């Protein structure tokens, strides 16, 4: 029987780096900022050469930290979130933190359950996309010392939330998207606004209504369909719009998945996009560039949003920032392609 491989320790790293074990401990745990950069790099190089992986459980016990953060998302299968999570992961990795992902499936009960789980001390902080935005959930987390950054769907009122957040002004984005369709000459514009009662539904519908009002166009509730943010939902709701006595000449969908489903419904009826019906989405997911015709949409730069949210969280975790909550607006851009 072969001899078991010796478990590497900080002592092994110290011997290879030519430093004391205490120095290695400080580098691993980031507990002494006065260590010269050259020494720190020598320790990191030794760790890399030995393939030494710090014991995070031991670090947690010593430092009363979990060295993990969490992210709550409403639907991990929605193509918006992989890039968002990748942005968070990249920042977590740079700080040697683990990322735990919770999928609430847009359920308020699951949001509450996961928030209570976070409050038990399993993580040091969290980035969350809370569809139901229960202020008690937020207050409970903050009271338990869990740092929190949320992604919001619109511009918040000053001092309306007691924690850091990032947001995209999606009302303005939807307004500009529909205005673009109007400038192309469309006056009968349908909307797939998403699941009723959710922030994307409310804000995109508000931007749609504002664009119509800006241009003195009549609001016709026959042209407003919900959908459930899925491709199949977009397909079914587009079928209902196509069955109207006077169908819309253009469509604005609250996300790209519904827009892609709507495009398929149009094409299956023997109609052409954009010649018979122009279609615009929202999010600029990778598939938006792969469908035929390529989808005009609103880009939100999910990777950048994730990185910004995580960076704000670590500012709090490392004590680099205290005081009043920050509300950081992220950019959007209308991406014009062939579907309009």
Protein backbone atom coordinates (compact mmCIF):
# COMPACT_ATOMS: atom_id res chain seq x y z
CA UNK A 1 0.00 0.00 0.00
CA UNK A 2 1.44 3.37 -0.99
CA UNK A 3 2.13 5.85 1.76
CA UNK A 4 -0.44 8.62 2.13
CA UNK A 5 0.71 11.94 0.75
CA UNK A 6 1.75 14.34 3.46
CA UNK A 7 -0.70 17.18 4.03
CA UNK A 8 0.87 20.53 3.27
CA UNK A 9 1.00 23.11 6.05
CA UNK A 10 1.89 26.76 6.42
CA UNK A 11 5.23 25.57 7.82
CA UNK A 12 6.06 24.01 4.42
CA UNK A 13 5.20 27.28 2.68
CA UNK A 14 7.31 29.24 5.17
CA UNK A 15 10.36 27.04 4.61
CA UNK A 16 10.13 27.37 0.81
CA UNK A 17 9.58 31.12 0.97
CA UNK A 18 12.29 31.67 3.54
CA UNK A 19 9.99 33.46 6.00
CA UNK A 20 8.44 32.70 9.37
CA UNK A 21 5.23 30.74 9.69
CA UNK A 22 3.65 33.84 11.24
CA UNK A 23 4.33 35.78 8.04
CA UNK A 24 2.62 33.06 5.99
CA UNK A 25 -0.37 33.20 8.33
CA UNK A 26 -0.65 36.97 7.94
CA UNK A 27 -0.50 36.71 4.15
CA UNK A 28 -3.10 33.94 4.01
CA UNK A 29 -5.49 35.68 6.39
CA UNK A 30 -4.76 39.24 5.21
CA UNK A 31 -4.25 40.31 8.81
CA UNK A 32 -1.13 42.48 8.45
CA UNK A 33 -1.15 45.14 5.74
CA UNK A 34 2.40 46.21 6.70
CA UNK A 35 4.06 43.13 5.20
CA UNK A 36 6.25 44.27 2.27
CA UNK A 37 4.80 43.48 -1.12
CA UNK A 38 7.94 41.61 -2.17
CA UNK A 39 7.60 39.31 0.85
CA UNK A 40 3.91 38.76 0.20
CA UNK A 41 4.61 37.84 -3.42
CA UNK A 42 7.33 35.40 -2.30
CA UNK A 43 4.82 33.67 -0.02
CA UNK A 44 2.18 33.54 -2.75
CA UNK A 45 4.71 32.08 -5.19
CA UNK A 46 5.64 29.37 -2.67
CA UNK A 47 1.96 28.56 -2.14
CA UNK A 48 1.52 28.24 -5.88
CA UNK A 49 4.59 26.01 -6.31
CA UNK A 50 3.43 23.70 -3.53
CA UNK A 51 -0.23 23.82 -4.66
CA UNK A 52 -1.04 24.81 -1.10
CA UNK A 53 -4.72 25.62 -0.53
CA UNK A 54 -5.56 27.47 2.72
CA UNK A 55 -8.03 25.78 5.04
CA UNK A 56 -10.98 28.16 4.91
CA UNK A 57 -12.77 26.40 7.73
CA UNK A 58 -9.82 27.06 10.04
CA UNK A 59 -9.61 30.67 8.81
CA UNK A 60 -13.30 31.06 9.59
CA UNK A 61 -12.93 29.78 13.15
CA UNK A 62 -9.96 32.03 13.84
CA UNK A 63 -11.32 35.17 12.24
CA UNK A 64 -15.05 34.77 12.91
CA UNK A 65 -15.67 35.03 9.18
CA UNK A 66 -17.08 32.52 6.75
CA UNK A 67 -14.99 33.69 3.78
CA UNK A 68 -18.07 33.22 1.64
CA UNK A 69 -20.64 35.52 0.10
CA UNK A 70 -24.03 34.63 -1.33
CA UNK A 71 -26.12 35.74 -4.26
CA UNK A 72 -29.90 35.36 -4.46
CA UNK A 73 -31.31 35.46 -7.99
CA UNK A 74 -34.94 35.02 -9.09
CA UNK A 75 -34.29 32.54 -11.90
CA UNK A 76 -30.90 31.01 -12.56
CA UNK A 77 -32.13 29.64 -15.90
CA UNK A 78 -32.82 33.17 -17.16
CA UNK A 79 -30.00 34.06 -19.55
CA UNK A 80 -29.57 37.46 -17.86
CA UNK A 81 -28.03 35.97 -14.73
CA UNK A 82 -25.00 33.87 -15.81
CA UNK A 83 -23.01 36.95 -16.83
CA UNK A 84 -24.21 38.80 -13.70
CA UNK A 85 -23.02 35.91 -11.52
CA UNK A 86 -19.75 35.68 -13.43
CA UNK A 87 -19.06 39.31 -12.58
CA UNK A 88 -19.67 38.64 -8.89
CA UNK A 89 -17.56 35.48 -9.01
CA UNK A 90 -14.58 37.28 -10.53
CA UNK A 91 -14.49 39.77 -7.65
CA UNK A 92 -15.04 37.05 -5.03
CA UNK A 93 -12.19 35.02 -6.52
CA UNK A 94 -9.86 37.99 -6.34
CA UNK A 95 -10.46 38.11 -2.58
CA UNK A 96 -10.27 34.31 -2.14
CA UNK A 97 -13.94 34.13 -1.17
CA UNK A 98 -16.42 31.43 -2.11
CA UNK A 99 -19.73 32.28 -3.78
CA UNK A 100 -22.96 30.49 -2.82
CA UNK A 101 -25.90 30.89 -5.22
CA UNK A 102 -29.56 30.67 -4.25
CA UNK A 103 -32.35 30.54 -6.85
CA UNK A 104 -35.64 31.88 -5.45
CA UNK A 105 -37.63 31.00 -8.59
CA UNK A 106 -39.35 34.41 -8.09
CA UNK A 107 -41.04 33.03 -4.93
CA UNK A 108 -41.47 35.42 -2.02
CA UNK A 109 -41.44 32.45 0.37
CA UNK A 110 -38.09 31.27 -1.00
CA UNK A 111 -36.65 34.78 -0.83
CA UNK A 112 -37.60 34.91 2.84
CA UNK A 113 -36.21 31.42 3.51
CA UNK A 114 -32.87 32.14 1.85
CA UNK A 115 -32.58 35.48 3.62
CA UNK A 116 -33.09 33.72 6.96
CA UNK A 117 -30.44 31.18 5.96
CA UNK A 118 -27.98 34.02 5.29
CA UNK A 119 -28.85 35.52 8.66
CA UNK A 120 -27.66 32.35 10.41
CA UNK A 121 -24.07 33.37 9.70
CA UNK A 122 -23.27 31.10 6.77
CA UNK A 123 -21.92 34.05 4.77
CA UNK A 124 -20.29 37.41 5.45
CA UNK A 125 -22.40 39.31 2.93
CA UNK A 126 -24.73 38.97 -0.02
CA UNK A 127 -25.69 40.38 -3.38
CA UNK A 128 -29.40 39.90 -4.00
CA UNK A 129 -32.00 40.41 -6.68
CA UNK A 130 -35.18 40.46 -4.62
CA UNK A 131 -38.30 40.43 -6.77
CA UNK A 132 -40.52 41.07 -3.76
CA UNK A 133 -38.25 43.56 -1.98
CA UNK A 134 -39.50 42.93 1.55
CA UNK A 135 -38.04 45.69 3.72
CA UNK A 136 -38.25 43.44 6.78
CA UNK A 137 -35.94 40.93 5.06
CA UNK A 138 -33.42 43.69 4.43
CA UNK A 139 -33.68 45.05 7.98
CA UNK A 140 -33.25 41.59 9.52
CA UNK A 141 -30.09 40.93 7.49
CA UNK A 142 -28.55 44.28 8.36
CA UNK A 143 -29.42 43.84 12.04
CA UNK A 144 -27.56 40.51 12.03
CA UNK A 145 -24.45 42.13 10.56
CA UNK A 146 -24.86 40.71 7.05
CA UNK A 147 -23.65 43.26 4.54
CA UNK A 148 -26.01 43.53 1.59
CA UNK A 149 -25.99 44.94 -1.94
CA UNK A 150 -29.10 44.62 -4.10
CA UNK A 151 -29.74 45.04 -7.80
CA UNK A 152 -32.78 47.27 -8.31
CA UNK A 153 -34.93 47.69 -11.40
CA UNK A 154 -35.21 51.46 -11.31
CA UNK A 155 -33.98 54.66 -9.75
CA UNK A 156 -34.72 54.53 -5.99
CA UNK A 157 -35.98 57.46 -3.97
CA UNK A 158 -33.25 59.11 -1.86
CA UNK A 159 -32.79 57.33 1.49
CA UNK A 160 -35.47 54.77 0.57
CA UNK A 161 -33.23 51.77 1.30
CA UNK A 162 -30.71 51.43 4.16
CA UNK A 163 -28.13 49.41 2.21
CA UNK A 164 -25.91 49.73 -0.85
CA UNK A 165 -27.52 49.04 -4.20
CA UNK A 166 -26.89 49.20 -7.92
CA UNK A 167 -29.61 50.00 -10.40
CA UNK A 168 -30.36 50.49 -14.06
CA UNK A 169 -32.95 53.14 -14.90
CA UNK A 170 -35.10 50.62 -16.73
CA UNK A 171 -38.05 53.00 -16.96
CA UNK A 172 -35.90 55.36 -19.00
CA UNK A 173 -34.47 52.44 -20.97
CA UNK A 174 -37.94 51.11 -21.86
CA UNK A 175 -39.07 54.62 -22.74
CA UNK A 176 -36.16 55.08 -25.13
CA UNK A 177 -36.66 51.64 -26.65
CA UNK A 178 -40.33 52.29 -27.45
CA UNK A 179 -39.51 55.81 -28.63
CA UNK A 180 -37.09 54.27 -31.11
CA UNK A 181 -39.90 52.10 -32.50
CA UNK A 182 -42.15 55.15 -32.75
CA UNK A 183 -39.48 57.07 -34.67
CA UNK A 184 -39.38 54.20 -37.15
CA UNK A 185 -43.01 55.04 -37.91
CA UNK A 186 -44.84 52.54 -35.68
CA UNK A 187 -47.98 53.66 -33.85
CA UNK A 188 -49.50 50.26 -32.99
CA UNK A 189 -46.92 48.88 -30.57
CA UNK A 190 -47.56 45.82 -28.45
CA UNK A 191 -45.76 44.99 -25.23
CA UNK A 192 -44.95 41.74 -23.44
CA UNK A 193 -44.43 43.18 -19.98
CA UNK A 194 -43.63 40.05 -17.96
CA UNK A 195 -45.14 38.57 -14.81
CA UNK A 196 -47.61 41.00 -13.23
CA UNK A 197 -46.51 42.47 -9.92
CA UNK A 198 -42.77 42.03 -10.47
CA UNK A 199 -40.40 45.02 -10.74
CA UNK A 200 -39.48 44.37 -14.42
CA UNK A 201 -43.19 44.28 -15.32
CA UNK A 202 -43.99 47.54 -13.54
CA UNK A 203 -41.01 49.52 -14.76
CA UNK A 204 -40.96 48.42 -18.39
CA UNK A 205 -44.71 49.00 -18.68
CA UNK A 206 -44.27 52.46 -17.16
CA UNK A 207 -41.56 53.33 -19.69
CA UNK A 208 -43.78 52.02 -22.51
CA UNK A 209 -46.68 54.20 -21.36
CA UNK A 210 -44.45 57.26 -21.04
CA UNK A 211 -43.16 56.83 -24.61
CA UNK A 212 -46.72 56.62 -25.95
CA UNK A 213 -47.74 59.72 -23.99
CA UNK A 214 -44.67 61.63 -25.15
CA UNK A 215 -45.76 61.06 -28.74
CA UNK A 216 -49.52 61.52 -28.26
CA UNK A 217 -50.26 57.90 -29.08
CA UNK A 218 -53.33 56.09 -27.76
CA UNK A 219 -52.79 53.46 -25.06
CA UNK A 220 -54.68 50.32 -26.04
CA UNK A 221 -54.76 47.66 -23.33
CA UNK A 222 -55.43 45.03 -26.01
CA UNK A 223 -51.80 45.45 -26.98
CA UNK A 224 -50.55 44.75 -23.44
CA UNK A 225 -49.77 41.11 -22.64
CA UNK A 226 -47.88 39.77 -19.64
CA UNK A 227 -45.87 36.62 -20.34
CA UNK A 228 -43.62 34.95 -17.80
CA UNK A 229 -40.15 36.00 -19.02
CA UNK A 230 -39.70 32.70 -20.88
CA UNK A 231 -39.41 31.97 -24.60
CA UNK A 232 -42.60 29.90 -24.49
CA UNK A 233 -44.41 32.70 -22.67
CA UNK A 234 -43.37 35.12 -25.40
CA UNK A 235 -44.54 32.68 -28.08
CA UNK A 236 -48.00 32.23 -26.54
CA UNK A 237 -48.58 35.93 -25.85
CA UNK A 238 -47.47 36.87 -29.35
CA UNK A 239 -50.01 34.42 -30.74
CA UNK A 240 -52.72 36.32 -28.83
CA UNK A 241 -51.54 39.63 -30.30
CA UNK A 242 -51.49 38.17 -33.82
CA UNK A 243 -55.11 37.05 -33.36
CA UNK A 244 -56.34 40.61 -32.82
CA UNK A 245 -58.47 42.15 -35.58
CA UNK A 246 -55.79 44.82 -35.98
CA UNK A 247 -52.45 43.39 -34.96
CA UNK A 248 -49.54 45.56 -33.78
CA UNK A 249 -46.89 46.57 -36.27
CA UNK A 250 -44.16 46.44 -33.62
CA UNK A 251 -43.50 44.71 -30.30
CA UNK A 252 -41.47 45.61 -27.24
CA UNK A 253 -40.71 42.66 -24.94
CA UNK A 254 -39.59 42.99 -21.31
CA UNK A 255 -36.75 40.55 -21.91
CA UNK A 256 -34.98 38.89 -24.82
CA UNK A 257 -36.35 35.42 -24.14
CA UNK A 258 -39.92 36.59 -24.66
CA UNK A 259 -38.83 38.59 -27.72
CA UNK A 260 -37.25 35.47 -29.24
CA UNK A 261 -40.40 33.46 -28.54
CA UNK A 262 -42.49 36.20 -30.12
CA UNK A 263 -40.27 36.21 -33.18
CA UNK A 264 -40.82 32.49 -33.64
CA UNK A 265 -44.60 32.94 -33.35
CA UNK A 266 -44.53 35.64 -36.03
CA UNK A 267 -42.45 33.51 -38.38
CA UNK A 268 -44.63 30.45 -37.83
CA UNK A 269 -47.59 32.51 -39.06
CA UNK A 270 -45.75 33.15 -42.30
CA UNK A 271 -45.01 36.75 -41.39
CA UNK A 272 -41.64 38.50 -41.58
CA UNK A 273 -39.55 40.28 -38.98
CA UNK A 274 -39.20 43.25 -39.24
CA UNK A 275 -41.14 43.83 -42.50
CA UNK A 276 -44.51 42.78 -41.02
CA UNK A 277 -43.77 43.16 -37.31
CA UNK A 278 -40.68 44.77 -35.79
CA UNK A 279 -39.50 43.23 -32.51
CA UNK A 280 -37.34 44.68 -29.75
CA UNK A 281 -36.12 42.89 -26.62
CA UNK A 282 -34.42 43.82 -23.37
CA UNK A 283 -31.16 42.51 -21.77
CA UNK A 284 -28.93 41.68 -24.79
CA UNK A 285 -28.35 38.05 -23.83
CA UNK A 286 -25.92 36.06 -26.04
CA UNK A 287 -28.80 34.51 -28.02
CA UNK A 288 -29.90 37.97 -29.19
CA UNK A 289 -27.02 37.94 -31.69
CA UNK A 290 -27.70 34.36 -32.84
CA UNK A 291 -31.36 34.46 -33.87
CA UNK A 292 -32.37 35.36 -37.41
CA UNK A 293 -32.88 38.24 -37.79
CA UNK A 294 -30.60 39.40 -35.02
CA UNK A 295 -32.51 41.03 -32.18
CA UNK A 296 -32.60 44.75 -31.49
CA UNK A 297 -32.52 45.09 -27.71
CA UNK A 298 -31.48 47.07 -24.65
CA UNK A 299 -28.08 46.08 -23.25
CA UNK A 300 -27.64 46.20 -19.47
CA UNK A 301 -24.02 44.94 -19.27
CA UNK A 302 -24.74 42.26 -16.69
CA UNK A 303 -21.09 41.36 -16.10
CA UNK A 304 -20.27 44.96 -15.17
CA UNK A 305 -23.30 45.14 -12.87
CA UNK A 306 -22.16 41.99 -11.05
CA UNK A 307 -18.62 43.29 -10.65
CA UNK A 308 -19.83 46.65 -9.35
CA UNK A 309 -22.20 45.07 -6.82
CA UNK A 310 -19.52 42.70 -5.54
CA UNK A 311 -16.91 45.45 -5.31
CA UNK A 312 -19.32 47.54 -3.21
CA UNK A 313 -19.95 44.54 -0.97
CA UNK A 314 -16.24 43.93 -0.34
CA UNK A 315 -15.73 47.62 0.43
CA UNK A 316 -18.00 47.04 3.41
CA UNK A 317 -16.61 43.61 4.31
CA UNK A 318 -13.05 44.90 4.52
CA UNK A 319 -13.98 48.06 6.38
CA UNK A 320 -12.85 50.31 3.56
CA UNK A 321 -16.16 52.14 3.65
CA UNK A 322 -18.74 52.92 6.29
CA UNK A 323 -21.59 55.33 6.67
CA UNK A 324 -24.48 56.15 4.38
CA UNK A 325 -25.70 53.68 1.74
CA UNK A 326 -24.61 54.18 -1.85
CA UNK A 327 -26.95 54.09 -4.85
CA UNK A 328 -24.90 53.48 -7.99
CA UNK A 329 -26.51 53.83 -11.42
CA UNK A 330 -25.29 51.50 -14.16
CA UNK A 331 -25.48 52.27 -17.89
CA UNK A 332 -27.72 50.85 -20.59
CA UNK A 333 -27.55 51.09 -24.37
CA UNK A 334 -29.99 50.55 -27.23
CA UNK A 335 -28.41 47.93 -29.52
CA UNK A 336 -29.87 48.24 -33.01
CA UNK A 337 -29.92 45.09 -35.13
CA UNK A 338 -32.01 43.66 -37.95
CA UNK A 339 -35.23 42.76 -36.06
CA UNK A 340 -36.46 46.36 -36.22
